[in-house]
PDB file of N, CA and C in Angstrom:
ATOM      1  N   UNK A   1     -12.514 -20.622   8.913  1.00  0.00           N
ATOM      2  CA  UNK A   1     -13.156 -19.478   8.297  1.00  0.00           C
ATOM      3  C   UNK A   1     -13.021 -18.272   9.235  1.00  0.00           C
ATOM      4  N   UNK A   2     -12.761 -17.116   8.693  1.00  0.00           N
ATOM      5  CA  UNK A   2     -12.588 -15.915   9.495  1.00  0.00           C
ATOM      6  C   UNK A   2     -13.886 -15.129   9.571  1.00  0.00           C
ATOM      7  N   UNK A   3     -13.913 -14.215  10.507  1.00  0.00           N
ATOM      8  CA  UNK A   3     -15.084 -13.350  10.653  1.00  0.00           C
ATOM      9  C   UNK A   3     -15.179 -12.404   9.463  1.00  0.00           C
ATOM     10  N   UNK A   4     -16.386 -11.949   9.223  1.00  0.00           N
ATOM     11  CA  UNK A   4     -16.618 -11.019   8.114  1.00  0.00           C
ATOM     12  C   UNK A   4     -15.985  -9.671   8.421  1.00  0.00           C
ATOM     13  N   UNK A   5     -15.519  -9.011   7.390  1.00  0.00           N
ATOM     14  CA  UNK A   5     -15.003  -7.653   7.509  1.00  0.00           C
ATOM     15  C   UNK A   5     -16.195  -6.708   7.451  1.00  0.00           C
ATOM     16  N   UNK A   6     -16.163  -5.692   8.267  1.00  0.00           N
ATOM     17  CA  UNK A   6     -17.226  -4.687   8.255  1.00  0.00           C
ATOM     18  C   UNK A   6     -17.355  -4.121   6.841  1.00  0.00           C
ATOM     19  N   UNK A   7     -18.552  -4.147   6.256  1.00  0.00           N
ATOM     20  CA  UNK A   7     -18.737  -3.652   4.885  1.00  0.00           C
ATOM     21  C   UNK A   7     -18.310  -2.185   4.705  1.00  0.00           C
ATOM     22  N   UNK A   8     -18.489  -1.381   5.735  1.00  0.00           N
ATOM     23  CA  UNK A   8     -18.063   0.024   5.646  1.00  0.00           C
ATOM     24  C   UNK A   8     -16.542   0.131   5.564  1.00  0.00           C
ATOM     25  N   UNK A   9     -15.838  -0.711   6.309  1.00  0.00           N
ATOM     26  CA  UNK A   9     -14.377  -0.724   6.249  1.00  0.00           C
ATOM     27  C   UNK A   9     -13.919  -1.217   4.883  1.00  0.00           C
ATOM     28  N   UNK A  10     -14.520  -2.282   4.401  1.00  0.00           N
ATOM     29  CA  UNK A  10     -14.145  -2.821   3.095  1.00  0.00           C
ATOM     30  C   UNK A  10     -14.376  -1.804   1.989  1.00  0.00           C
ATOM     31  N   UNK A  11     -15.412  -0.987   2.131  1.00  0.00           N
ATOM     32  CA  UNK A  11     -15.726   0.021   1.115  1.00  0.00           C
ATOM     33  C   UNK A  11     -14.662   1.109   1.021  1.00  0.00           C
ATOM     34  N   UNK A  12     -13.926   1.364   2.106  1.00  0.00           N
ATOM     35  CA  UNK A  12     -12.923   2.436   2.064  1.00  0.00           C
ATOM     36  C   UNK A  12     -11.490   1.926   1.872  1.00  0.00           C
ATOM     37  N   UNK A  13     -11.274   0.632   2.104  1.00  0.00           N
ATOM     38  CA  UNK A  13      -9.930   0.083   1.912  1.00  0.00           C
ATOM     39  C   UNK A  13      -9.625  -0.080   0.427  1.00  0.00           C
ATOM     40  N   UNK A  14      -8.408   0.263   0.049  1.00  0.00           N
ATOM     41  CA  UNK A  14      -7.949   0.064  -1.321  1.00  0.00           C
ATOM     42  C   UNK A  14      -6.554  -0.543  -1.289  1.00  0.00           C
ATOM     43  N   UNK A  15      -6.160  -1.126  -2.376  1.00  0.00           N
ATOM     44  CA  UNK A  15      -4.818  -1.680  -2.504  1.00  0.00           C
ATOM     45  C   UNK A  15      -3.808  -0.537  -2.430  1.00  0.00           C
ATOM     46  N   UNK A  16      -2.788  -0.653  -1.590  1.00  0.00           N
ATOM     47  CA  UNK A  16      -1.789   0.418  -1.505  1.00  0.00           C
ATOM     48  C   UNK A  16      -0.938   0.557  -2.763  1.00  0.00           C
ATOM     49  N   UNK A  17      -0.930  -0.455  -3.615  1.00  0.00           N
ATOM     50  CA  UNK A  17      -0.130  -0.399  -4.841  1.00  0.00           C
ATOM     51  C   UNK A  17      -0.917   0.257  -5.976  1.00  0.00           C
ATOM     52  N   UNK A  18      -2.149  -0.203  -6.182  1.00  0.00           N
ATOM     53  CA  UNK A  18      -2.923   0.236  -7.347  1.00  0.00           C
ATOM     54  C   UNK A  18      -4.045   1.215  -7.017  1.00  0.00           C
ATOM     55  N   UNK A  19      -4.353   1.351  -5.731  1.00  0.00           N
ATOM     56  CA  UNK A  19      -5.459   2.213  -5.276  1.00  0.00           C
ATOM     57  C   UNK A  19      -6.818   1.742  -5.810  1.00  0.00           C
ATOM     58  N   UNK A  20      -6.935   0.449  -6.079  1.00  0.00           N
ATOM     59  CA  UNK A  20      -8.197  -0.126  -6.548  1.00  0.00           C
ATOM     60  C   UNK A  20      -8.886  -0.861  -5.391  1.00  0.00           C
ATOM     61  N   UNK A  21     -10.202  -1.059  -5.493  1.00  0.00           N
ATOM     62  CA  UNK A  21     -10.937  -1.762  -4.432  1.00  0.00           C
ATOM     63  C   UNK A  21     -10.428  -3.193  -4.236  1.00  0.00           C
ATOM     64  N   UNK A  22     -10.683  -3.700  -3.042  1.00  0.00           N
ATOM     65  CA  UNK A  22     -10.286  -5.055  -2.673  1.00  0.00           C
ATOM     66  C   UNK A  22     -11.531  -5.918  -2.522  1.00  0.00           C
ATOM     67  N   UNK A  23     -11.341  -7.220  -2.657  1.00  0.00           N
ATOM     68  CA  UNK A  23     -12.439  -8.140  -2.367  1.00  0.00           C
ATOM     69  C   UNK A  23     -12.000  -9.035  -1.213  1.00  0.00           C
ATOM     70  N   UNK A  24     -12.968  -9.419  -0.416  1.00  0.00           N
ATOM     71  CA  UNK A  24     -12.695 -10.212   0.777  1.00  0.00           C
ATOM     72  C   UNK A  24     -12.826 -11.692   0.470  1.00  0.00           C
ATOM     73  N   UNK A  25     -11.762 -12.439   0.686  1.00  0.00           N
ATOM     74  CA  UNK A  25     -11.803 -13.899   0.601  1.00  0.00           C
ATOM     75  C   UNK A  25     -11.937 -14.396   2.036  1.00  0.00           C
ATOM     76  N   UNK A  26     -13.167 -14.656   2.435  1.00  0.00           N
ATOM     77  CA  UNK A  26     -13.452 -15.003   3.824  1.00  0.00           C
ATOM     78  C   UNK A  26     -12.819 -16.342   4.212  1.00  0.00           C
ATOM     79  N   UNK A  27     -12.802 -17.294   3.295  1.00  0.00           N
ATOM     80  CA  UNK A  27     -12.247 -18.614   3.593  1.00  0.00           C
ATOM     81  C   UNK A  27     -10.740 -18.524   3.860  1.00  0.00           C
ATOM     82  N   UNK A  28     -10.022 -17.783   3.025  1.00  0.00           N
ATOM     83  CA  UNK A  28      -8.569 -17.652   3.180  1.00  0.00           C
ATOM     84  C   UNK A  28      -8.187 -16.608   4.220  1.00  0.00           C
ATOM     85  N   UNK A  29      -9.134 -15.736   4.597  1.00  0.00           N
ATOM     86  CA  UNK A  29      -8.812 -14.678   5.556  1.00  0.00           C
ATOM     87  C   UNK A  29      -7.896 -13.637   4.956  1.00  0.00           C
ATOM     88  N   UNK A  30      -8.208 -13.241   3.719  1.00  0.00           N
ATOM     89  CA  UNK A  30      -7.365 -12.278   3.005  1.00  0.00           C
ATOM     90  C   UNK A  30      -8.221 -11.252   2.275  1.00  0.00           C
ATOM     91  N   UNK A  31      -7.608 -10.114   2.004  1.00  0.00           N
ATOM     92  CA  UNK A  31      -8.194  -9.127   1.110  1.00  0.00           C
ATOM     93  C   UNK A  31      -7.417  -9.213  -0.192  1.00  0.00           C
ATOM     94  N   UNK A  32      -8.127  -9.393  -1.281  1.00  0.00           N
ATOM     95  CA  UNK A  32      -7.507  -9.657  -2.575  1.00  0.00           C
ATOM     96  C   UNK A  32      -7.520  -8.410  -3.449  1.00  0.00           C
ATOM     97  N   UNK A  33      -6.353  -8.103  -4.013  1.00  0.00           N
ATOM     98  CA  UNK A  33      -6.244  -7.062  -5.033  1.00  0.00           C
ATOM     99  C   UNK A  33      -6.022  -7.769  -6.360  1.00  0.00           C
ATOM    100  N   UNK A  34      -7.090  -7.875  -7.138  1.00  0.00           N
ATOM    101  CA  UNK A  34      -6.966  -8.512  -8.448  1.00  0.00           C
ATOM    102  C   UNK A  34      -6.059  -7.700  -9.363  1.00  0.00           C
ATOM    103  N   UNK A  35      -6.101  -6.382  -9.249  1.00  0.00           N
ATOM    104  CA  UNK A  35      -5.297  -5.513 -10.110  1.00  0.00           C
ATOM    105  C   UNK A  35      -3.795  -5.693  -9.867  1.00  0.00           C
ATOM    106  N   UNK A  36      -3.403  -5.869  -8.609  1.00  0.00           N
ATOM    107  CA  UNK A  36      -1.983  -6.016  -8.275  1.00  0.00           C
ATOM    108  C   UNK A  36      -1.556  -7.474  -8.196  1.00  0.00           C
ATOM    109  N   UNK A  37      -2.522  -8.392  -8.140  1.00  0.00           N
ATOM    110  CA  UNK A  37      -2.178  -9.804  -7.990  1.00  0.00           C
ATOM    111  C   UNK A  37      -1.627 -10.115  -6.616  1.00  0.00           C
ATOM    112  N   UNK A  38      -2.165  -9.425  -5.595  1.00  0.00           N
ATOM    113  CA  UNK A  38      -1.689  -9.606  -4.227  1.00  0.00           C
ATOM    114  C   UNK A  38      -2.846  -9.946  -3.294  1.00  0.00           C
ATOM    115  N   UNK A  39      -2.527 -10.699  -2.240  1.00  0.00           N
ATOM    116  CA  UNK A  39      -3.492 -11.038  -1.202  1.00  0.00           C
ATOM    117  C   UNK A  39      -2.943 -10.537   0.126  1.00  0.00           C
ATOM    118  N   UNK A  40      -3.670  -9.620   0.741  1.00  0.00           N
ATOM    119  CA  UNK A  40      -3.254  -9.039   2.017  1.00  0.00           C
ATOM    120  C   UNK A  40      -3.893  -9.832   3.151  1.00  0.00           C
ATOM    121  N   UNK A  41      -3.099 -10.259   4.137  1.00  0.00           N
ATOM    122  CA  UNK A  41      -3.656 -11.087   5.215  1.00  0.00           C
ATOM    123  C   UNK A  41      -4.511 -10.269   6.178  1.00  0.00           C
ATOM    124  N   UNK A  42      -5.418 -10.980   6.834  1.00  0.00           N
ATOM    125  CA  UNK A  42      -6.188 -10.399   7.929  1.00  0.00           C
ATOM    126  C   UNK A  42      -5.776 -11.168   9.172  1.00  0.00           C
ATOM    127  N   UNK A  43      -5.186 -10.457  10.130  1.00  0.00           N
ATOM    128  CA  UNK A  43      -4.694 -11.099  11.350  1.00  0.00           C
ATOM    129  C   UNK A  43      -5.464 -10.569  12.547  1.00  0.00           C
ATOM    130  N   UNK A  44      -6.056 -11.461  13.297  1.00  0.00           N
ATOM    131  CA  UNK A  44      -6.857 -11.088  14.469  1.00  0.00           C
ATOM    132  C   UNK A  44      -7.897 -10.041  14.128  1.00  0.00           C
ATOM    133  N   UNK A  45      -8.487 -10.174  12.934  1.00  0.00           N
ATOM    134  CA  UNK A  45      -9.538  -9.258  12.509  1.00  0.00           C
ATOM    135  C   UNK A  45      -9.059  -7.943  11.944  1.00  0.00           C
ATOM    136  N   UNK A  46      -7.732  -7.772  11.825  1.00  0.00           N
ATOM    137  CA  UNK A  46      -7.156  -6.517  11.340  1.00  0.00           C
ATOM    138  C   UNK A  46      -6.479  -6.747   9.991  1.00  0.00           C
ATOM    139  N   UNK A  47      -6.918  -6.034   8.949  1.00  0.00           N
ATOM    140  CA  UNK A  47      -6.243  -6.161   7.647  1.00  0.00           C
ATOM    141  C   UNK A  47      -4.818  -5.613   7.720  1.00  0.00           C
ATOM    142  N   UNK A  48      -3.872  -6.384   7.225  1.00  0.00           N
ATOM    143  CA  UNK A  48      -2.471  -5.963   7.189  1.00  0.00           C
ATOM    144  C   UNK A  48      -2.195  -5.476   5.770  1.00  0.00           C
ATOM    145  N   UNK A  49      -2.215  -4.161   5.593  1.00  0.00           N
ATOM    146  CA  UNK A  49      -2.135  -3.570   4.257  1.00  0.00           C
ATOM    147  C   UNK A  49      -0.705  -3.168   3.892  1.00  0.00           C
ATOM    148  N   UNK A  50       0.241  -4.017   4.196  1.00  0.00           N
ATOM    149  CA  UNK A  50       1.643  -3.791   3.858  1.00  0.00           C
ATOM    150  C   UNK A  50       2.026  -4.689   2.686  1.00  0.00           C
ATOM    151  N   UNK A  51       2.615  -4.111   1.679  1.00  0.00           N
ATOM    152  CA  UNK A  51       3.019  -4.878   0.501  1.00  0.00           C
ATOM    153  C   UNK A  51       3.993  -5.988   0.906  1.00  0.00           C
ATOM    154  N   UNK A  52       4.851  -5.710   1.872  1.00  0.00           N
ATOM    155  CA  UNK A  52       5.834  -6.700   2.328  1.00  0.00           C
ATOM    156  C   UNK A  52       5.173  -7.930   2.953  1.00  0.00           C
ATOM    157  N   UNK A  53       3.958  -7.785   3.447  1.00  0.00           N
ATOM    158  CA  UNK A  53       3.241  -8.882   4.088  1.00  0.00           C
ATOM    159  C   UNK A  53       2.290  -9.591   3.134  1.00  0.00           C
ATOM    160  N   UNK A  54       2.087  -9.036   1.948  1.00  0.00           N
ATOM    161  CA  UNK A  54       1.137  -9.598   0.994  1.00  0.00           C
ATOM    162  C   UNK A  54       1.700 -10.846   0.312  1.00  0.00           C
ATOM    163  N   UNK A  55       0.790 -11.722  -0.047  1.00  0.00           N
ATOM    164  CA  UNK A  55       1.140 -12.932  -0.782  1.00  0.00           C
ATOM    165  C   UNK A  55       0.848 -12.686  -2.262  1.00  0.00           C
ATOM    166  N   UNK A  56       1.813 -13.046  -3.121  1.00  0.00           N
ATOM    167  CA  UNK A  56       1.614 -12.894  -4.563  1.00  0.00           C
ATOM    168  C   UNK A  56       0.684 -14.005  -5.036  1.00  0.00           C
ATOM    169  N   UNK A  57      -0.319 -13.642  -5.816  1.00  0.00           N
ATOM    170  CA  UNK A  57      -1.275 -14.603  -6.354  1.00  0.00           C
ATOM    171  C   UNK A  57      -0.692 -15.303  -7.583  1.00  0.00           C
ATOM    172  N   UNK A  58      -1.054 -16.545  -7.744  1.00  0.00           N
ATOM    173  CA  UNK A  58      -0.624 -17.287  -8.934  1.00  0.00           C
ATOM    174  C   UNK A  58      -1.335 -16.719 -10.162  1.00  0.00           C
ATOM    175  N   UNK A  59      -0.653 -16.647 -11.295  1.00  0.00           N
ATOM    176  CA  UNK A  59      -1.308 -16.152 -12.517  1.00  0.00           C
ATOM    177  C   UNK A  59      -2.498 -17.019 -12.885  1.00  0.00           C
ATOM    178  N   UNK A  60      -3.529 -16.385 -13.368  1.00  0.00           N
ATOM    179  CA  UNK A  60      -4.744 -17.129 -13.733  1.00  0.00           C
ATOM    180  C   UNK A  60      -4.626 -17.794 -15.072  1.00  0.00           C
TER     181      UNK A  60
END
């Protein structure tokens, strides 16, 4: 399990593709963009907001 993301940081971060808010998946250590279907990794406590580094989510 990863450390929590600062709520103030999470409030200002948006998906670089859709510009929509992200949700934090603490267990996976990712920031999820439901609108884009992407999961951005958090490495050493730092969100990696690069589309090239994001994992595509499986369709629901």
